[in-house]
């Protein structure tokens, strides 16, 4: 029995790989995970011993990746030889460069989750506003609803204008008008967000003769000023990627140009267009300065975009951090929970964009 077991163990893929002078499949992944676990355990011990104030996720990932480079080279050198070991070392260094580039994002997400999760999981965070709340308690329902309403209206304004402008520039635009539109779109792409807020505030102040006007629709206009150039540029690039052969084939069948755009060009580029729209939403959903100027802030619920001040999540995070009361920790917890909510909304929008792009992207045959 023991000899049979030994024979079976010797015939496993891992054993055969080692015998052939080659590391098993997925060995690099296992070495990387093991390196992260080892460095994570070291930093956890340092935290428990009091040497560090908290768990260092950046140090864990960075030093774990460095350890991975050393370990994979040594293991490959021992099993596969020096030539293959050098190849794996270069691959590991490329992986390390990628991981290092992601360190700010990893640190941001980890810090936001750790600090925001306690208040995020409280039952009242998504069911109550901050009306008459001093200290602990209350929630961010008014800010969540304000963000969804203002961003939604801004999207409804920006997407048709941006998409039609991109279609004009790609399919019809020639001469000085197209050049002027392209120039001003490029200029608008780089304007500071606070300028968009000042524009909306000045416009509605002059329109309604009210120097203290604050309402949600003005915030939607300010965000649309920031969204339109992003939608135009991203949609224009996607429309340019559609092969001219598809257009010419439709024209050869007698299909008019407007119908070719509607039935051929847009369905072919819909995946990239949707992705660009979601990027533009992610670009503006976290803006604070324009909304602070034209939408203001409030502790009460307000569902009406055309009347009174309206709170949004970025402004909620700012006010909770800037205007701390006697119970400082409660305000900080709510600020972190608002930031976590904003991150989750952006992640949800990106996931939805990928799903929509997969559903509506053209199905290519053989």
Protein backbone atom coordinates (compact mmCIF):
# COMPACT_ATOMS: atom_id res chain seq x y z
CA UNK A 1 0.00 0.00 0.00
CA UNK A 2 2.76 2.42 0.87
CA UNK A 3 4.56 1.71 -2.42
CA UNK A 4 1.34 2.31 -4.37
CA UNK A 5 0.81 5.65 -2.60
CA UNK A 6 4.38 6.67 -3.28
CA UNK A 7 3.98 5.76 -6.96
CA UNK A 8 0.82 7.86 -7.25
CA UNK A 9 2.51 10.84 -5.55
CA UNK A 10 5.41 10.55 -7.94
CA UNK A 11 3.04 10.66 -10.93
CA UNK A 12 1.26 13.88 -9.93
CA UNK A 13 1.57 16.86 -12.34
CA UNK A 14 3.59 18.78 -9.76
CA UNK A 15 6.08 15.97 -9.34
CA UNK A 16 6.33 15.47 -13.11
CA UNK A 17 6.96 19.21 -13.55
CA UNK A 18 9.75 19.19 -10.99
CA UNK A 19 11.25 16.08 -12.59
CA UNK A 20 11.20 17.80 -15.99
CA UNK A 21 13.04 20.80 -14.57
CA UNK A 22 10.05 23.11 -14.69
CA UNK A 23 7.95 24.83 -12.04
CA UNK A 24 4.31 23.74 -11.77
CA UNK A 25 1.55 25.71 -13.42
CA UNK A 26 0.38 28.82 -11.48
CA UNK A 27 3.49 28.63 -9.29
CA UNK A 28 4.14 32.36 -9.76
CA UNK A 29 0.67 33.17 -8.42
CA UNK A 30 1.15 30.94 -5.41
CA UNK A 31 4.57 32.44 -4.65
CA UNK A 32 3.13 35.97 -4.90
CA UNK A 33 0.23 35.15 -2.55
CA UNK A 34 2.58 33.41 -0.12
CA UNK A 35 4.89 36.45 -0.13
CA UNK A 36 1.98 38.77 0.66
CA UNK A 37 0.83 36.45 3.46
CA UNK A 38 4.31 36.38 5.00
CA UNK A 39 4.77 40.16 4.93
CA UNK A 40 1.19 40.63 6.14
CA UNK A 41 1.88 38.37 9.10
CA UNK A 42 5.03 40.37 9.90
CA UNK A 43 3.16 43.68 9.89
CA UNK A 44 0.34 42.14 11.92
CA UNK A 45 2.83 41.04 14.56
CA UNK A 46 4.31 44.55 14.58
CA UNK A 47 0.84 46.01 15.08
CA UNK A 48 0.01 43.64 17.94
CA UNK A 49 3.33 44.38 19.62
CA UNK A 50 2.67 48.11 19.47
CA UNK A 51 5.53 48.90 17.10
CA UNK A 52 3.06 50.35 14.56
CA UNK A 53 -0.20 52.17 15.13
CA UNK A 54 -2.16 50.17 12.57
CA UNK A 55 -1.93 47.54 9.87
CA UNK A 56 0.24 48.79 6.99
CA UNK A 57 -1.42 47.57 3.79
CA UNK A 58 1.00 49.51 1.56
CA UNK A 59 4.02 48.01 3.30
CA UNK A 60 2.48 44.54 3.10
CA UNK A 61 1.90 44.74 -0.65
CA UNK A 62 5.19 46.49 -1.46
CA UNK A 63 7.56 44.34 0.59
CA UNK A 64 5.55 41.23 -0.31
CA UNK A 65 6.07 42.00 -3.99
CA UNK A 66 9.81 42.54 -3.43
CA UNK A 67 9.97 39.23 -1.57
CA UNK A 68 8.10 37.61 -4.47
CA UNK A 69 10.75 38.79 -6.95
CA UNK A 70 13.54 37.29 -4.85
CA UNK A 71 11.66 34.07 -4.11
CA UNK A 72 10.57 33.33 -7.67
CA UNK A 73 14.11 33.91 -8.95
CA UNK A 74 15.65 31.63 -6.32
CA UNK A 75 13.05 28.91 -6.83
CA UNK A 76 13.31 29.03 -10.61
CA UNK A 77 17.13 29.03 -10.43
CA UNK A 78 17.06 25.89 -8.28
CA UNK A 79 14.55 24.00 -10.46
CA UNK A 80 14.74 25.40 -14.00
CA UNK A 81 18.25 26.83 -14.32
CA UNK A 82 19.73 30.27 -14.72
CA UNK A 83 18.25 31.10 -18.14
CA UNK A 84 14.64 30.46 -17.13
CA UNK A 85 15.26 32.13 -13.77
CA UNK A 86 16.32 35.37 -15.47
CA UNK A 87 13.19 35.29 -17.60
CA UNK A 88 10.98 34.84 -14.54
CA UNK A 89 12.86 37.63 -12.72
CA UNK A 90 12.16 40.12 -15.51
CA UNK A 91 8.49 39.06 -15.54
CA UNK A 92 8.38 39.49 -11.76
CA UNK A 93 9.90 42.98 -12.04
CA UNK A 94 7.20 43.97 -14.54
CA UNK A 95 4.58 42.62 -12.14
CA UNK A 96 6.20 44.57 -9.30
CA UNK A 97 6.07 47.79 -11.33
CA UNK A 98 2.36 47.22 -11.97
CA UNK A 99 1.66 46.54 -8.30
CA UNK A 100 3.62 49.64 -7.22
CA UNK A 101 1.54 51.74 -9.63
CA UNK A 102 -1.58 50.39 -7.91
CA UNK A 103 -0.36 51.13 -4.38
CA UNK A 104 -2.10 54.55 -4.11
CA UNK A 105 -5.39 52.99 -5.18
CA UNK A 106 -4.94 50.05 -2.81
CA UNK A 107 -4.15 52.41 0.06
CA UNK A 108 -7.12 54.66 -0.73
CA UNK A 109 -9.65 51.82 -0.94
CA UNK A 110 -8.30 50.05 2.15
CA UNK A 111 -8.27 53.22 4.27
CA UNK A 112 -11.75 54.21 3.12
CA UNK A 113 -13.20 50.79 3.84
CA UNK A 114 -11.55 50.43 7.26
CA UNK A 115 -12.56 53.90 8.46
CA UNK A 116 -15.95 54.13 6.78
CA UNK A 117 -17.37 50.67 7.40
CA UNK A 118 -18.48 51.19 11.05
CA UNK A 119 -20.75 54.17 10.25
CA UNK A 120 -21.69 52.70 6.87
CA UNK A 121 -23.20 49.62 8.55
CA UNK A 122 -25.30 51.57 11.05
CA UNK A 123 -29.06 51.16 10.40
CA UNK A 124 -29.72 54.91 10.23
CA UNK A 125 -27.05 55.88 7.70
CA UNK A 126 -29.28 55.25 4.67
CA UNK A 127 -32.63 55.94 6.34
CA UNK A 128 -32.18 59.31 8.07
CA UNK A 129 -30.80 62.77 7.34
CA UNK A 130 -28.79 65.06 9.62
CA UNK A 131 -31.76 67.24 10.54
CA UNK A 132 -31.63 68.18 14.25
CA UNK A 133 -28.69 65.82 14.81
CA UNK A 134 -25.81 67.04 16.96
CA UNK A 135 -23.07 64.52 17.65
CA UNK A 136 -23.59 60.83 16.94
CA UNK A 137 -26.55 59.50 14.98
CA UNK A 138 -28.32 60.56 11.83
CA UNK A 139 -27.42 59.50 8.33
CA UNK A 140 -26.68 60.56 4.79
CA UNK A 141 -29.96 59.80 3.03
CA UNK A 142 -30.37 63.44 1.98
CA UNK A 143 -26.86 63.48 0.52
CA UNK A 144 -27.29 60.19 -1.37
CA UNK A 145 -30.59 61.31 -2.90
CA UNK A 146 -29.14 64.70 -3.80
CA UNK A 147 -26.14 63.09 -5.51
CA UNK A 148 -28.30 60.68 -7.52
CA UNK A 149 -30.74 63.39 -8.60
CA UNK A 150 -28.17 66.03 -9.54
CA UNK A 151 -25.86 63.57 -11.31
CA UNK A 152 -28.80 61.94 -13.08
CA UNK A 153 -30.10 65.24 -14.45
CA UNK A 154 -26.58 66.27 -15.44
CA UNK A 155 -26.26 63.01 -17.36
CA UNK A 156 -29.60 63.55 -19.11
CA UNK A 157 -28.39 66.99 -20.21
CA UNK A 158 -24.84 66.04 -21.17
CA UNK A 159 -25.24 62.73 -23.00
CA UNK A 160 -27.54 63.87 -25.83
CA UNK A 161 -25.57 67.10 -26.39
CA UNK A 162 -22.18 65.36 -26.22
CA UNK A 163 -23.21 62.42 -28.40
CA UNK A 164 -24.83 64.60 -31.08
CA UNK A 165 -21.77 66.86 -31.11
CA UNK A 166 -19.52 63.82 -31.55
CA UNK A 167 -21.69 62.52 -34.40
CA UNK A 168 -21.51 65.90 -36.10
CA UNK A 169 -17.73 66.11 -35.77
CA UNK A 170 -17.23 62.55 -37.04
CA UNK A 171 -19.83 62.24 -39.77
CA UNK A 172 -20.65 65.76 -40.94
CA UNK A 173 -18.17 68.26 -39.51
CA UNK A 174 -15.88 69.92 -42.03
CA UNK A 175 -14.34 73.35 -42.16
CA UNK A 176 -14.06 76.11 -39.60
CA UNK A 177 -17.17 75.25 -37.58
CA UNK A 178 -15.90 71.77 -36.81
CA UNK A 179 -12.46 73.16 -35.95
CA UNK A 180 -14.00 75.74 -33.63
CA UNK A 181 -16.12 73.08 -31.87
CA UNK A 182 -13.08 70.84 -31.43
CA UNK A 183 -11.04 73.75 -30.06
CA UNK A 184 -13.66 74.79 -27.51
CA UNK A 185 -14.25 71.18 -26.44
CA UNK A 186 -10.52 70.82 -25.75
CA UNK A 187 -10.54 74.07 -23.79
CA UNK A 188 -13.59 73.00 -21.74
CA UNK A 189 -11.92 69.69 -20.91
CA UNK A 190 -9.25 71.50 -18.92
CA UNK A 191 -11.28 74.14 -17.09
CA UNK A 192 -11.23 73.96 -13.26
CA UNK A 193 -14.44 72.60 -11.76
CA UNK A 194 -14.96 75.71 -9.62
CA UNK A 195 -15.24 77.78 -12.81
CA UNK A 196 -18.21 75.65 -13.86
CA UNK A 197 -19.82 76.31 -10.48
CA UNK A 198 -19.20 80.04 -10.75
CA UNK A 199 -20.66 80.03 -14.28
CA UNK A 200 -23.85 78.31 -13.13
CA UNK A 201 -24.15 80.59 -10.10
CA UNK A 202 -23.64 83.76 -12.17
CA UNK A 203 -26.04 82.60 -14.87
CA UNK A 204 -28.93 81.80 -12.54
CA UNK A 205 -28.25 84.82 -10.34
CA UNK A 206 -28.66 87.08 -13.37
CA UNK A 207 -31.60 85.08 -14.70
CA UNK A 208 -33.64 85.16 -11.47
CA UNK A 209 -32.17 88.39 -10.05
CA UNK A 210 -31.26 86.56 -6.84
CA UNK A 211 -27.71 86.88 -5.56
CA UNK A 212 -28.21 84.15 -2.96
CA UNK A 213 -29.76 81.51 -5.20
CA UNK A 214 -29.01 77.90 -4.29
CA UNK A 215 -30.79 74.91 -5.81
CA UNK A 216 -30.06 71.43 -7.15
CA UNK A 217 -30.74 72.08 -10.83
CA UNK A 218 -27.99 74.68 -10.86
CA UNK A 219 -25.61 72.00 -9.65
CA UNK A 220 -26.74 69.74 -12.48
CA UNK A 221 -25.96 72.51 -14.99
CA UNK A 222 -22.51 73.01 -13.46
CA UNK A 223 -21.77 69.28 -13.67
CA UNK A 224 -23.04 69.10 -17.24
CA UNK A 225 -20.51 71.78 -18.22
CA UNK A 226 -17.80 69.41 -16.96
CA UNK A 227 -19.37 66.29 -18.47
CA UNK A 228 -20.10 67.44 -22.02
CA UNK A 229 -16.47 67.75 -23.24
CA UNK A 230 -15.60 64.32 -21.83
CA UNK A 231 -18.61 62.74 -23.55
CA UNK A 232 -17.78 64.51 -26.82
CA UNK A 233 -14.14 63.44 -26.90
CA UNK A 234 -14.72 59.84 -25.83
CA UNK A 235 -17.69 59.35 -28.19
CA UNK A 236 -15.82 60.96 -31.08
CA UNK A 237 -12.88 58.59 -30.68
CA UNK A 238 -15.20 55.57 -30.54
CA UNK A 239 -17.07 56.67 -33.67
CA UNK A 240 -13.78 57.11 -35.52
CA UNK A 241 -12.92 53.47 -34.79
CA UNK A 242 -15.90 52.21 -36.81
CA UNK A 243 -14.48 50.92 -40.15
CA UNK A 244 -15.45 52.99 -43.18
CA UNK A 245 -16.21 49.73 -45.01
CA UNK A 246 -19.35 49.34 -42.88
CA UNK A 247 -20.56 52.80 -43.86
CA UNK A 248 -19.76 52.23 -47.53
CA UNK A 249 -21.58 48.89 -47.51
CA UNK A 250 -24.69 50.58 -46.13
CA UNK A 251 -24.46 53.39 -48.69
CA UNK A 252 -24.10 50.82 -51.48
CA UNK A 253 -27.42 49.29 -50.42
CA UNK A 254 -29.10 52.67 -50.69
CA UNK A 255 -29.35 53.34 -46.96
CA UNK A 256 -29.41 57.08 -46.20
CA UNK A 257 -26.65 58.55 -44.08
CA UNK A 258 -28.78 59.27 -41.01
CA UNK A 259 -30.06 55.69 -40.98
CA UNK A 260 -26.54 54.34 -41.46
CA UNK A 261 -25.43 56.28 -38.40
CA UNK A 262 -28.42 55.05 -36.40
CA UNK A 263 -28.34 51.39 -37.43
CA UNK A 264 -24.68 50.73 -38.23
CA UNK A 265 -22.29 53.26 -36.70
CA UNK A 266 -23.86 53.68 -33.25
CA UNK A 267 -24.52 49.95 -32.58
CA UNK A 268 -20.93 49.16 -33.57
CA UNK A 269 -19.45 51.72 -31.19
CA UNK A 270 -22.04 51.53 -28.40
CA UNK A 271 -19.73 49.66 -26.01
CA UNK A 272 -17.05 52.36 -26.10
CA UNK A 273 -19.61 55.16 -25.98
CA UNK A 274 -21.22 53.75 -22.83
CA UNK A 275 -17.81 53.35 -21.22
CA UNK A 276 -16.99 56.99 -22.02
CA UNK A 277 -20.31 58.13 -20.54
CA UNK A 278 -19.62 56.24 -17.33
CA UNK A 279 -16.14 57.74 -17.16
CA UNK A 280 -17.66 61.20 -17.47
CA UNK A 281 -20.12 60.41 -14.66
CA UNK A 282 -17.27 59.18 -12.48
CA UNK A 283 -15.42 62.39 -13.35
CA UNK A 284 -18.13 64.67 -11.94
CA UNK A 285 -19.87 62.64 -9.23
CA UNK A 286 -17.13 63.48 -6.73
CA UNK A 287 -16.94 67.21 -7.48
CA UNK A 288 -17.32 69.40 -4.41
CA UNK A 289 -16.47 73.00 -5.34
CA UNK A 290 -19.18 73.66 -7.99
CA UNK A 291 -21.90 72.03 -5.90
CA UNK A 292 -20.84 73.92 -2.79
CA UNK A 293 -21.24 77.18 -4.72
CA UNK A 294 -24.53 76.67 -6.55
CA UNK A 295 -26.31 73.81 -4.69
CA UNK A 296 -25.20 74.73 -1.18
CA UNK A 297 -25.57 72.37 1.74
CA UNK A 298 -28.33 71.45 4.14
CA UNK A 299 -29.05 68.92 6.86
CA UNK A 300 -32.63 68.28 5.70
CA UNK A 301 -34.18 66.19 2.94
CA UNK A 302 -34.95 67.96 -0.31
CA UNK A 303 -36.25 66.05 -3.32
CA UNK A 304 -37.05 69.17 -5.37
CA UNK A 305 -34.23 70.12 -7.73
CA UNK A 306 -35.79 73.52 -8.44
CA UNK A 307 -36.28 74.77 -4.91
CA UNK A 308 -34.00 75.33 -1.92
CA UNK A 309 -30.58 73.96 -1.15
CA UNK A 310 -29.70 70.32 -1.82
CA UNK A 311 -26.99 68.24 -0.17
CA UNK A 312 -24.68 65.91 -2.12
CA UNK A 313 -22.23 63.27 -0.95
CA UNK A 314 -19.00 65.20 -1.73
CA UNK A 315 -20.32 68.27 0.09
CA UNK A 316 -21.56 66.03 2.93
CA UNK A 317 -18.06 64.58 3.36
CA UNK A 318 -16.55 68.08 3.29
CA UNK A 319 -18.97 69.59 5.82
CA UNK A 320 -18.69 66.63 8.20
CA UNK A 321 -14.92 66.95 8.20
CA UNK A 322 -14.72 70.76 8.23
CA UNK A 323 -17.50 71.49 10.74
CA UNK A 324 -16.82 68.99 13.51
CA UNK A 325 -18.81 69.28 16.70
CA UNK A 326 -17.99 68.22 20.23
CA UNK A 327 -18.18 64.52 19.32
CA UNK A 328 -15.37 64.68 16.77
CA UNK A 329 -15.23 60.96 16.07
CA UNK A 330 -18.89 60.79 15.05
CA UNK A 331 -18.36 63.48 12.41
CA UNK A 332 -15.21 61.78 11.11
CA UNK A 333 -16.97 58.41 10.93
CA UNK A 334 -19.80 59.92 8.88
CA UNK A 335 -17.30 61.61 6.58
CA UNK A 336 -15.50 58.33 5.92
CA UNK A 337 -18.83 56.51 5.42
CA UNK A 338 -19.87 59.14 2.87
CA UNK A 339 -16.58 58.68 1.02
CA UNK A 340 -17.09 54.90 1.04
CA UNK A 341 -20.60 55.33 -0.36
CA UNK A 342 -19.23 57.52 -3.15
CA UNK A 343 -16.57 54.92 -4.02
CA UNK A 344 -19.18 52.15 -4.11
CA UNK A 345 -21.46 54.20 -6.38
CA UNK A 346 -18.58 54.75 -8.82
CA UNK A 347 -17.72 51.04 -8.74
CA UNK A 348 -21.38 50.16 -9.35
CA UNK A 349 -21.55 52.54 -12.30
CA UNK A 350 -18.43 51.03 -13.84
CA UNK A 351 -19.78 47.52 -13.38
CA UNK A 352 -23.07 48.57 -14.95
CA UNK A 353 -21.19 50.11 -17.88
CA UNK A 354 -19.35 46.86 -18.53
CA UNK A 355 -22.62 44.91 -18.37
CA UNK A 356 -24.37 47.28 -20.79
CA UNK A 357 -21.38 47.24 -23.14
CA UNK A 358 -21.37 43.45 -23.16
CA UNK A 359 -25.10 43.24 -23.84
CA UNK A 360 -25.25 45.84 -26.61
CA UNK A 361 -21.87 45.30 -28.26
CA UNK A 362 -22.14 43.79 -31.77
CA UNK A 363 -21.95 40.02 -31.92
CA UNK A 364 -19.27 39.05 -34.40
CA UNK A 365 -19.81 35.95 -36.44
CA UNK A 366 -17.22 33.64 -37.96
